[in-house]
Amino acid sequence: MPMASASGGEQPVSASTPREIRAALRGQEVADFDREYRRTMADAAESLDLSGVVSMLQRWQRVAWSTQDDLDAHRHMLASADRLREGDDVATESWQQTKARLGL
């Protein structure tokens, strides 16, 4: 099966990728992925345009990579996002501070 073309230097998304992406997700992310995947596939079936599917899979692929790279950091990011969404203050640092902390 042909692979979808990648845009912006992203890795191509193969036909088997949705299953692999879903398998790498954790907790509520699985249900969120399933819901969005079904909606996006239904839209693609109506429009005969797979670009939305490719874009959605690339975005979720980044989430899956984030989860696999450092699960604790990923959970921390999700908790921070929840707190921000609720209007709580979340400690942040500037890009300069982040680079210095990481030795970049």
PDB file of N, CA and C in Angstrom:
ATOM      1  N   MET A   1       0.848  -1.179   0.000  1.00  0.00           N
ATOM      2  CA  MET A   1       0.000   0.000   0.000  1.00  0.00           C
ATOM      3  C   MET A   1       0.885   1.231   0.000  1.00  0.00           C
ATOM      4  N   PRO A   2       0.574   2.252  -0.787  1.00  0.00           N
ATOM      5  CA  PRO A   2       1.400   3.455  -0.815  1.00  0.00           C
ATOM      6  C   PRO A   2       1.338   4.196   0.502  1.00  0.00           C
ATOM      7  N   MET A   3       2.395   4.915   0.767  1.00  0.00           N
ATOM      8  CA  MET A   3       2.455   5.692   2.000  1.00  0.00           C
ATOM      9  C   MET A   3       2.013   7.118   1.710  1.00  0.00           C
ATOM     10  N   ALA A   4       1.372   7.724   2.686  1.00  0.00           N
ATOM     11  CA  ALA A   4       0.960   9.111   2.538  1.00  0.00           C
ATOM     12  C   ALA A   4       2.196   9.982   2.514  1.00  0.00           C
ATOM     13  N   SER A   5       2.164  11.014   1.720  1.00  0.00           N
ATOM     14  CA  SER A   5       3.326  11.889   1.662  1.00  0.00           C
ATOM     15  C   SER A   5       3.437  12.684   2.945  1.00  0.00           C
ATOM     16  N   ALA A   6       4.661  12.898   3.373  1.00  0.00           N
ATOM     17  CA  ALA A   6       4.905  13.643   4.598  1.00  0.00           C
ATOM     18  C   ALA A   6       5.005  15.115   4.269  1.00  0.00           C
ATOM     19  N   SER A   7       4.540  15.933   5.181  1.00  0.00           N
ATOM     20  CA  SER A   7       4.645  17.368   4.988  1.00  0.00           C
ATOM     21  C   SER A   7       5.507  17.957   6.080  1.00  0.00           C
ATOM     22  N   GLY A   8       6.268  18.963   5.742  1.00  0.00           N
ATOM     23  CA  GLY A   8       7.064  19.658   6.736  1.00  0.00           C
ATOM     24  C   GLY A   8       8.122  18.800   7.384  1.00  0.00           C
ATOM     25  N   GLY A   9       8.659  17.812   6.671  1.00  0.00           N
ATOM     26  CA  GLY A   9       9.713  16.995   7.240  1.00  0.00           C
ATOM     27  C   GLY A   9       9.225  15.934   8.205  1.00  0.00           C
ATOM     28  N   GLU A  10       7.920  15.779   8.354  1.00  0.00           N
ATOM     29  CA  GLU A  10       7.374  14.757   9.252  1.00  0.00           C
ATOM     30  C   GLU A  10       7.650  13.383   8.668  1.00  0.00           C
ATOM     31  N   GLN A  11       7.685  12.380   9.518  1.00  0.00           N
ATOM     32  CA  GLN A  11       7.820  11.022   9.030  1.00  0.00           C
ATOM     33  C   GLN A  11       6.526  10.619   8.346  1.00  0.00           C
ATOM     34  N   PRO A  12       6.610   9.818   7.284  1.00  0.00           N
ATOM     35  CA  PRO A  12       5.394   9.382   6.618  1.00  0.00           C
ATOM     36  C   PRO A  12       4.548   8.505   7.533  1.00  0.00           C
ATOM     37  N   VAL A  13       3.269   8.493   7.286  1.00  0.00           N
ATOM     38  CA  VAL A  13       2.337   7.681   8.062  1.00  0.00           C
ATOM     39  C   VAL A  13       1.941   6.485   7.206  1.00  0.00           C
ATOM     40  N   SER A  14       2.217   5.284   7.665  1.00  0.00           N
ATOM     41  CA  SER A  14       1.882   4.085   6.904  1.00  0.00           C
ATOM     42  C   SER A  14       0.483   3.605   7.285  1.00  0.00           C
ATOM     43  N   ALA A  15      -0.017   2.658   6.521  1.00  0.00           N
ATOM     44  CA  ALA A  15      -1.356   2.142   6.776  1.00  0.00           C
ATOM     45  C   ALA A  15      -1.447   1.448   8.135  1.00  0.00           C
ATOM     46  N   SER A  16      -0.338   0.901   8.641  1.00  0.00           N
ATOM     47  CA  SER A  16      -0.370   0.200   9.924  1.00  0.00           C
ATOM     48  C   SER A  16      -0.159   1.137  11.109  1.00  0.00           C
ATOM     49  N   THR A  17       0.143   2.364  10.879  1.00  0.00           N
ATOM     50  CA  THR A  17       0.471   3.297  11.945  1.00  0.00           C
ATOM     51  C   THR A  17      -0.661   3.558  12.945  1.00  0.00           C
ATOM     52  N   PRO A  18      -1.916   3.672  12.545  1.00  0.00           N
ATOM     53  CA  PRO A  18      -2.948   3.943  13.551  1.00  0.00           C
ATOM     54  C   PRO A  18      -2.941   2.934  14.697  1.00  0.00           C
ATOM     55  N   ARG A  19      -2.796   1.673  14.398  1.00  0.00           N
ATOM     56  CA  ARG A  19      -2.772   0.645  15.441  1.00  0.00           C
ATOM     57  C   ARG A  19      -1.544   0.832  16.343  1.00  0.00           C
ATOM     58  N   GLU A  20      -0.395   1.114  15.732  1.00  0.00           N
ATOM     59  CA  GLU A  20       0.829   1.311  16.505  1.00  0.00           C
ATOM     60  C   GLU A  20       0.743   2.561  17.373  1.00  0.00           C
ATOM     61  N   ILE A  21       0.190   3.616  16.818  1.00  0.00           N
ATOM     62  CA  ILE A  21       0.011   4.847  17.593  1.00  0.00           C
ATOM     63  C   ILE A  21      -0.888   4.569  18.787  1.00  0.00           C
ATOM     64  N   ARG A  22      -2.025   3.938  18.547  1.00  0.00           N
ATOM     65  CA  ARG A  22      -2.977   3.656  19.622  1.00  0.00           C
ATOM     66  C   ARG A  22      -2.348   2.797  20.711  1.00  0.00           C
ATOM     67  N   ALA A  23      -1.539   1.812  20.313  1.00  0.00           N
ATOM     68  CA  ALA A  23      -0.904   0.917  21.283  1.00  0.00           C
ATOM     69  C   ALA A  23       0.083   1.660  22.186  1.00  0.00           C
ATOM     70  N   ALA A  24       0.631   2.766  21.721  1.00  0.00           N
ATOM     71  CA  ALA A  24       1.601   3.522  22.506  1.00  0.00           C
ATOM     72  C   ALA A  24       0.944   4.526  23.453  1.00  0.00           C
ATOM     73  N   LEU A  25      -0.342   4.784  23.286  1.00  0.00           N
ATOM     74  CA  LEU A  25      -1.029   5.775  24.109  1.00  0.00           C
ATOM     75  C   LEU A  25      -1.405   5.196  25.464  1.00  0.00           C
ATOM     76  N   ARG A  26      -1.687   6.071  26.409  1.00  0.00           N
ATOM     77  CA  ARG A  26      -2.007   5.668  27.777  1.00  0.00           C
ATOM     78  C   ARG A  26      -3.317   6.317  28.228  1.00  0.00           C
ATOM     79  N   GLY A  27      -4.027   5.615  29.069  1.00  0.00           N
ATOM     80  CA  GLY A  27      -5.202   6.151  29.756  1.00  0.00           C
ATOM     81  C   GLY A  27      -6.235   6.760  28.834  1.00  0.00           C
ATOM     82  N   GLN A  28      -6.680   7.943  29.188  1.00  0.00           N
ATOM     83  CA  GLN A  28      -7.734   8.652  28.465  1.00  0.00           C
ATOM     84  C   GLN A  28      -7.337   8.954  27.026  1.00  0.00           C
ATOM     85  N   GLU A  29      -6.034   8.996  26.745  1.00  0.00           N
ATOM     86  CA  GLU A  29      -5.586   9.287  25.385  1.00  0.00           C
ATOM     87  C   GLU A  29      -6.118   8.257  24.392  1.00  0.00           C
ATOM     88  N   VAL A  30      -6.248   7.001  24.809  1.00  0.00           N
ATOM     89  CA  VAL A  30      -6.742   5.956  23.910  1.00  0.00           C
ATOM     90  C   VAL A  30      -8.166   6.277  23.474  1.00  0.00           C
ATOM     91  N   ALA A  31      -9.007   6.627  24.406  1.00  0.00           N
ATOM     92  CA  ALA A  31     -10.397   6.965  24.075  1.00  0.00           C
ATOM     93  C   ALA A  31     -10.454   8.228  23.217  1.00  0.00           C
ATOM     94  N   ASP A  32      -9.628   9.215  23.539  1.00  0.00           N
ATOM     95  CA  ASP A  32      -9.587  10.448  22.743  1.00  0.00           C
ATOM     96  C   ASP A  32      -9.151  10.152  21.313  1.00  0.00           C
ATOM     97  N   PHE A  33      -8.121   9.309  21.166  1.00  0.00           N
ATOM     98  CA  PHE A  33      -7.638   8.913  19.840  1.00  0.00           C
ATOM     99  C   PHE A  33      -8.753   8.197  19.071  1.00  0.00           C
ATOM    100  N   ASP A  34      -9.386   7.215  19.708  1.00  0.00           N
ATOM    101  CA  ASP A  34     -10.441   6.444  19.042  1.00  0.00           C
ATOM    102  C   ASP A  34     -11.556   7.358  18.541  1.00  0.00           C
ATOM    103  N   ARG A  35     -11.992   8.267  19.388  1.00  0.00           N
ATOM    104  CA  ARG A  35     -13.081   9.174  19.034  1.00  0.00           C
ATOM    105  C   ARG A  35     -12.684  10.055  17.840  1.00  0.00           C
ATOM    106  N   GLU A  36     -11.484  10.639  17.920  1.00  0.00           N
ATOM    107  CA  GLU A  36     -11.052  11.524  16.838  1.00  0.00           C
ATOM    108  C   GLU A  36     -10.786  10.739  15.548  1.00  0.00           C
ATOM    109  N   TYR A  37     -10.215   9.549  15.678  1.00  0.00           N
ATOM    110  CA  TYR A  37      -9.930   8.728  14.500  1.00  0.00           C
ATOM    111  C   TYR A  37     -11.221   8.382  13.755  1.00  0.00           C
ATOM    112  N   ARG A  38     -12.229   7.947  14.498  1.00  0.00           N
ATOM    113  CA  ARG A  38     -13.509   7.602  13.868  1.00  0.00           C
ATOM    114  C   ARG A  38     -14.141   8.813  13.183  1.00  0.00           C
ATOM    115  N   ARG A  39     -14.121   9.950  13.853  1.00  0.00           N
ATOM    116  CA  ARG A  39     -14.701  11.170  13.286  1.00  0.00           C
ATOM    117  C   ARG A  39     -13.933  11.594  12.029  1.00  0.00           C
ATOM    118  N   THR A  40     -12.603  11.547  12.094  1.00  0.00           N
ATOM    119  CA  THR A  40     -11.776  11.962  10.970  1.00  0.00           C
ATOM    120  C   THR A  40     -11.939  11.013   9.784  1.00  0.00           C
ATOM    121  N   MET A  41     -12.028   9.712  10.061  1.00  0.00           N
ATOM    122  CA  MET A  41     -12.236   8.747   8.985  1.00  0.00           C
ATOM    123  C   MET A  41     -13.612   8.943   8.342  1.00  0.00           C
ATOM    124  N   ALA A  42     -14.633   9.231   9.135  1.00  0.00           N
ATOM    125  CA  ALA A  42     -15.970   9.474   8.586  1.00  0.00           C
ATOM    126  C   ALA A  42     -15.956  10.723   7.697  1.00  0.00           C
ATOM    127  N   ASP A  43     -15.267  11.774   8.151  1.00  0.00           N
ATOM    128  CA  ASP A  43     -15.142  12.989   7.343  1.00  0.00           C
ATOM    129  C   ASP A  43     -14.426  12.693   6.026  1.00  0.00           C
ATOM    130  N   ALA A  44     -13.367  11.882   6.102  1.00  0.00           N
ATOM    131  CA  ALA A  44     -12.612  11.534   4.896  1.00  0.00           C
ATOM    132  C   ALA A  44     -13.462  10.717   3.927  1.00  0.00           C
ATOM    133  N   ALA A  45     -14.286   9.845   4.453  1.00  0.00           N
ATOM    134  CA  ALA A  45     -15.155   9.043   3.592  1.00  0.00           C
ATOM    135  C   ALA A  45     -16.144   9.931   2.836  1.00  0.00           C
ATOM    136  N   GLU A  46     -16.620  10.973   3.482  1.00  0.00           N
ATOM    137  CA  GLU A  46     -17.562  11.899   2.841  1.00  0.00           C
ATOM    138  C   GLU A  46     -16.870  12.813   1.835  1.00  0.00           C
ATOM    139  N   SER A  47     -15.681  13.316   2.194  1.00  0.00           N
ATOM    140  CA  SER A  47     -15.002  14.293   1.345  1.00  0.00           C
ATOM    141  C   SER A  47     -14.081  13.664   0.308  1.00  0.00           C
ATOM    142  N   LEU A  48     -13.777  12.383   0.479  1.00  0.00           N
ATOM    143  CA  LEU A  48     -12.806  11.679  -0.368  1.00  0.00           C
ATOM    144  C   LEU A  48     -11.441  12.358  -0.314  1.00  0.00           C
ATOM    145  N   ASP A  49     -11.099  12.875   0.857  1.00  0.00           N
ATOM    146  CA  ASP A  49      -9.835  13.583   1.065  1.00  0.00           C
ATOM    147  C   ASP A  49      -9.188  13.043   2.337  1.00  0.00           C
ATOM    148  N   LEU A  50      -8.038  12.421   2.204  1.00  0.00           N
ATOM    149  CA  LEU A  50      -7.353  11.820   3.351  1.00  0.00           C
ATOM    150  C   LEU A  50      -6.390  12.771   4.057  1.00  0.00           C
ATOM    151  N   SER A  51      -6.279  14.000   3.617  1.00  0.00           N
ATOM    152  CA  SER A  51      -5.304  14.907   4.231  1.00  0.00           C
ATOM    153  C   SER A  51      -5.601  15.140   5.713  1.00  0.00           C
ATOM    154  N   GLY A  52      -6.860  15.184   6.095  1.00  0.00           N
ATOM    155  CA  GLY A  52      -7.203  15.343   7.507  1.00  0.00           C
ATOM    156  C   GLY A  52      -6.799  14.133   8.331  1.00  0.00           C
ATOM    157  N   VAL A  53      -6.909  12.952   7.743  1.00  0.00           N
ATOM    158  CA  VAL A  53      -6.505  11.722   8.430  1.00  0.00           C
ATOM    159  C   VAL A  53      -4.996  11.722   8.641  1.00  0.00           C
ATOM    160  N   VAL A  54      -4.243  12.059   7.596  1.00  0.00           N
ATOM    161  CA  VAL A  54      -2.785  12.091   7.701  1.00  0.00           C
ATOM    162  C   VAL A  54      -2.352  13.098   8.762  1.00  0.00           C
ATOM    163  N   SER A  55      -2.949  14.271   8.744  1.00  0.00           N
ATOM    164  CA  SER A  55      -2.618  15.311   9.725  1.00  0.00           C
ATOM    165  C   SER A  55      -2.927  14.854  11.143  1.00  0.00           C
ATOM    166  N   MET A  56      -4.090  14.240  11.341  1.00  0.00           N
ATOM    167  CA  MET A  56      -4.489  13.742  12.658  1.00  0.00           C
ATOM    168  C   MET A  56      -3.519  12.670  13.138  1.00  0.00           C
ATOM    169  N   LEU A  57      -3.148  11.742  12.256  1.00  0.00           N
ATOM    170  CA  LEU A  57      -2.228  10.674  12.643  1.00  0.00           C
ATOM    171  C   LEU A  57      -0.845  11.218  12.983  1.00  0.00           C
ATOM    172  N   GLN A  58      -0.374  12.203  12.257  1.00  0.00           N
ATOM    173  CA  GLN A  58       0.927  12.796  12.557  1.00  0.00           C
ATOM    174  C   GLN A  58       0.915  13.454  13.931  1.00  0.00           C
ATOM    175  N   ARG A  59      -0.182  14.146  14.252  1.00  0.00           N
ATOM    176  CA  ARG A  59      -0.291  14.794  15.565  1.00  0.00           C
ATOM    177  C   ARG A  59      -0.301  13.756  16.681  1.00  0.00           C
ATOM    178  N   TRP A  60      -1.098  12.702  16.525  1.00  0.00           N
ATOM    179  CA  TRP A  60      -1.159  11.657  17.552  1.00  0.00           C
ATOM    180  C   TRP A  60       0.140  10.863  17.619  1.00  0.00           C
ATOM    181  N   GLN A  61       0.848  10.771  16.496  1.00  0.00           N
ATOM    182  CA  GLN A  61       2.144  10.092  16.504  1.00  0.00           C
ATOM    183  C   GLN A  61       3.119  10.840  17.420  1.00  0.00           C
ATOM    184  N   ARG A  62       3.078  12.163  17.385  1.00  0.00           N
ATOM    185  CA  ARG A  62       3.931  12.952  18.288  1.00  0.00           C
ATOM    186  C   ARG A  62       3.547  12.710  19.745  1.00  0.00           C
ATOM    187  N   VAL A  63       2.254  12.584  20.017  1.00  0.00           N
ATOM    188  CA  VAL A  63       1.801  12.281  21.380  1.00  0.00           C
ATOM    189  C   VAL A  63       2.327  10.913  21.802  1.00  0.00           C
ATOM    190  N   ALA A  64       2.238   9.941  20.913  1.00  0.00           N
ATOM    191  CA  ALA A  64       2.720   8.592  21.223  1.00  0.00           C
ATOM    192  C   ALA A  64       4.224   8.601  21.475  1.00  0.00           C
ATOM    193  N   TRP A  65       4.977   9.336  20.656  1.00  0.00           N
ATOM    194  CA  TRP A  65       6.428   9.418  20.863  1.00  0.00           C
ATOM    195  C   TRP A  65       6.737  10.056  22.205  1.00  0.00           C
ATOM    196  N   SER A  66       5.990  11.107  22.552  1.00  0.00           N
ATOM    197  CA  SER A  66       6.189  11.778  23.832  1.00  0.00           C
ATOM    198  C   SER A  66       5.930  10.817  24.987  1.00  0.00           C
ATOM    199  N   THR A  67       4.895  10.017  24.861  1.00  0.00           N
ATOM    200  CA  THR A  67       4.552   9.048  25.890  1.00  0.00           C
ATOM    201  C   THR A  67       5.660   8.014  26.046  1.00  0.00           C
ATOM    202  N   GLN A  68       6.181   7.522  24.931  1.00  0.00           N
ATOM    203  CA  GLN A  68       7.208   6.485  24.977  1.00  0.00           C
ATOM    204  C   GLN A  68       8.556   7.020  25.443  1.00  0.00           C
ATOM    205  N   ASP A  69       8.882   8.251  25.072  1.00  0.00           N
ATOM    206  CA  ASP A  69      10.190   8.808  25.424  1.00  0.00           C
ATOM    207  C   ASP A  69      10.361   8.966  26.926  1.00  0.00           C
ATOM    208  N   ASP A  70       9.345   9.495  27.595  1.00  0.00           N
ATOM    209  CA  ASP A  70       9.438   9.739  29.033  1.00  0.00           C
ATOM    210  C   ASP A  70       8.026   9.826  29.586  1.00  0.00           C
ATOM    211  N   LEU A  71       7.510   8.694  30.034  1.00  0.00           N
ATOM    212  CA  LEU A  71       6.122   8.626  30.492  1.00  0.00           C
ATOM    213  C   LEU A  71       5.857   9.588  31.646  1.00  0.00           C
ATOM    214  N   ASP A  72       6.789   9.718  32.589  1.00  0.00           N
ATOM    215  CA  ASP A  72       6.581  10.636  33.714  1.00  0.00           C
ATOM    216  C   ASP A  72       6.505  12.088  33.242  1.00  0.00           C
ATOM    217  N   ALA A  73       7.387  12.468  32.327  1.00  0.00           N
ATOM    218  CA  ALA A  73       7.361  13.833  31.794  1.00  0.00           C
ATOM    219  C   ALA A  73       6.066  14.067  31.021  1.00  0.00           C
ATOM    220  N   HIS A  74       5.617  13.065  30.312  1.00  0.00           N
ATOM    221  CA  HIS A  74       4.369  13.186  29.558  1.00  0.00           C
ATOM    222  C   HIS A  74       3.189  13.383  30.514  1.00  0.00           C
ATOM    223  N   ARG A  75       3.147  12.587  31.572  1.00  0.00           N
ATOM    224  CA  ARG A  75       2.073  12.739  32.568  1.00  0.00           C
ATOM    225  C   ARG A  75       2.127  14.116  33.224  1.00  0.00           C
ATOM    226  N   HIS A  76       3.329  14.603  33.512  1.00  0.00           N
ATOM    227  CA  HIS A  76       3.486  15.931  34.100  1.00  0.00           C
ATOM    228  C   HIS A  76       2.950  17.002  33.147  1.00  0.00           C
ATOM    229  N   MET A  77       3.255  16.862  31.861  1.00  0.00           N
ATOM    230  CA  MET A  77       2.772  17.811  30.864  1.00  0.00           C
ATOM    231  C   MET A  77       1.248  17.804  30.817  1.00  0.00           C
ATOM    232  N   LEU A  78       0.644  16.621  30.843  1.00  0.00           N
ATOM    233  CA  LEU A  78      -0.813  16.537  30.811  1.00  0.00           C
ATOM    234  C   LEU A  78      -1.438  17.157  32.060  1.00  0.00           C
ATOM    235  N   ALA A  79      -0.833  16.911  33.217  1.00  0.00           N
ATOM    236  CA  ALA A  79      -1.339  17.496  34.469  1.00  0.00           C
ATOM    237  C   ALA A  79      -1.229  19.016  34.428  1.00  0.00           C
ATOM    238  N   SER A  80      -0.118  19.510  33.906  1.00  0.00           N
ATOM    239  CA  SER A  80       0.058  20.967  33.780  1.00  0.00           C
ATOM    240  C   SER A  80      -0.976  21.558  32.835  1.00  0.00           C
ATOM    241  N   ALA A  81      -1.239  20.878  31.730  1.00  0.00           N
ATOM    242  CA  ALA A  81      -2.248  21.352  30.784  1.00  0.00           C
ATOM    243  C   ALA A  81      -3.625  21.384  31.437  1.00  0.00           C
ATOM    244  N   ASP A  82      -3.954  20.371  32.223  1.00  0.00           N
ATOM    245  CA  ASP A  82      -5.234  20.355  32.938  1.00  0.00           C
ATOM    246  C   ASP A  82      -5.334  21.524  33.903  1.00  0.00           C
ATOM    247  N   ARG A  83      -4.252  21.774  34.643  1.00  0.00           N
ATOM    248  CA  ARG A  83      -4.260  22.893  35.596  1.00  0.00           C
ATOM    249  C   ARG A  83      -4.410  24.228  34.867  1.00  0.00           C
ATOM    250  N   LEU A  84      -3.720  24.390  33.743  1.00  0.00           N
ATOM    251  CA  LEU A  84      -3.860  25.616  32.957  1.00  0.00           C
ATOM    252  C   LEU A  84      -5.291  25.784  32.461  1.00  0.00           C
ATOM    253  N   ARG A  85      -5.884  24.694  31.987  1.00  0.00           N
ATOM    254  CA  ARG A  85      -7.254  24.736  31.479  1.00  0.00           C
ATOM    255  C   ARG A  85      -8.230  25.129  32.585  1.00  0.00           C
ATOM    256  N   GLU A  86      -7.919  24.745  33.822  1.00  0.00           N
ATOM    257  CA  GLU A  86      -8.774  25.088  34.961  1.00  0.00           C
ATOM    258  C   GLU A  86      -8.506  26.492  35.484  1.00  0.00           C
ATOM    259  N   GLY A  87      -7.512  27.171  34.897  1.00  0.00           N
ATOM    260  CA  GLY A  87      -7.211  28.540  35.300  1.00  0.00           C
ATOM    261  C   GLY A  87      -6.191  28.654  36.420  1.00  0.00           C
ATOM    262  N   ASP A  88      -5.564  27.550  36.815  1.00  0.00           N
ATOM    263  CA  ASP A  88      -4.546  27.571  37.864  1.00  0.00           C
ATOM    264  C   ASP A  88      -3.231  28.137  37.317  1.00  0.00           C
ATOM    265  N   ASP A  89      -2.410  28.635  38.226  1.00  0.00           N
ATOM    266  CA  ASP A  89      -1.065  29.073  37.855  1.00  0.00           C
ATOM    267  C   ASP A  89      -0.165  27.853  37.737  1.00  0.00           C
ATOM    268  N   VAL A  90       0.646  27.852  36.711  1.00  0.00           N
ATOM    269  CA  VAL A  90       1.596  26.760  36.488  1.00  0.00           C
ATOM    270  C   VAL A  90       2.976  27.389  36.319  1.00  0.00           C
ATOM    271  N   ALA A  91       3.936  26.859  37.098  1.00  0.00           N
ATOM    272  CA  ALA A  91       5.298  27.377  37.010  1.00  0.00           C
ATOM    273  C   ALA A  91       5.857  27.115  35.619  1.00  0.00           C
ATOM    274  N   THR A  92       6.459  28.128  35.052  1.00  0.00           N
ATOM    275  CA  THR A  92       7.073  28.004  33.733  1.00  0.00           C
ATOM    276  C   THR A  92       8.472  28.585  33.787  1.00  0.00           C
ATOM    277  N   GLU A  93       9.236  28.352  32.730  1.00  0.00           N
ATOM    278  CA  GLU A  93      10.547  28.955  32.616  1.00  0.00           C
ATOM    279  C   GLU A  93      10.736  29.421  31.188  1.00  0.00           C
ATOM    280  N   SER A  94      11.604  30.391  31.014  1.00  0.00           N
ATOM    281  CA  SER A  94      11.854  30.917  29.678  1.00  0.00           C
ATOM    282  C   SER A  94      12.653  29.900  28.861  1.00  0.00           C
ATOM    283  N   TRP A  95      12.659  30.106  27.544  1.00  0.00           N
ATOM    284  CA  TRP A  95      13.439  29.236  26.669  1.00  0.00           C
ATOM    285  C   TRP A  95      14.919  29.316  27.032  1.00  0.00           C
ATOM    286  N   GLN A  96      15.389  30.488  27.394  1.00  0.00           N
ATOM    287  CA  GLN A  96      16.800  30.659  27.801  1.00  0.00           C
ATOM    288  C   GLN A  96      17.092  29.806  29.044  1.00  0.00           C
ATOM    289  N   GLN A  97      16.199  29.810  30.012  1.00  0.00           N
ATOM    290  CA  GLN A  97      16.381  28.999  31.218  1.00  0.00           C
ATOM    291  C   GLN A  97      16.356  27.509  30.877  1.00  0.00           C
ATOM    292  N   THR A  98      15.455  27.116  29.996  1.00  0.00           N
ATOM    293  CA  THR A  98      15.368  25.709  29.610  1.00  0.00           C
ATOM    294  C   THR A  98      16.657  25.271  28.929  1.00  0.00           C
ATOM    295  N   LYS A  99      17.160  26.081  27.997  1.00  0.00           N
ATOM    296  CA  LYS A  99      18.407  25.735  27.306  1.00  0.00           C
ATOM    297  C   LYS A  99      19.563  25.617  28.301  1.00  0.00           C
ATOM    298  N   ALA A 100      19.630  26.547  29.252  1.00  0.00           N
ATOM    299  CA  ALA A 100      20.713  26.500  30.250  1.00  0.00           C
ATOM    300  C   ALA A 100      20.594  25.259  31.113  1.00  0.00           C
ATOM    301  N   ARG A 101      19.382  24.930  31.531  1.00  0.00           N
ATOM    302  CA  ARG A 101      19.169  23.754  32.368  1.00  0.00           C
ATOM    303  C   ARG A 101      19.561  22.465  31.630  1.00  0.00           C
ATOM    304  N   LEU A 102      19.302  22.444  30.336  1.00  0.00           N
ATOM    305  CA  LEU A 102      19.623  21.255  29.529  1.00  0.00           C
ATOM    306  C   LEU A 102      21.038  21.266  28.970  1.00  0.00           C
ATOM    307  N   GLY A 103      21.754  22.349  29.239  1.00  0.00           N
ATOM    308  CA  GLY A 103      23.119  22.468  28.752  1.00  0.00           C
ATOM    309  C   GLY A 103      23.208  22.674  27.253  1.00  0.00           C
ATOM    310  N   LEU A 104      22.248  23.363  26.700  1.00  0.00           N
ATOM    311  CA  LEU A 104      22.230  23.616  25.245  1.00  0.00           C
ATOM    312  C   LEU A 104      22.795  24.969  24.891  1.00  0.00           C
TER     313      LEU A 104
END
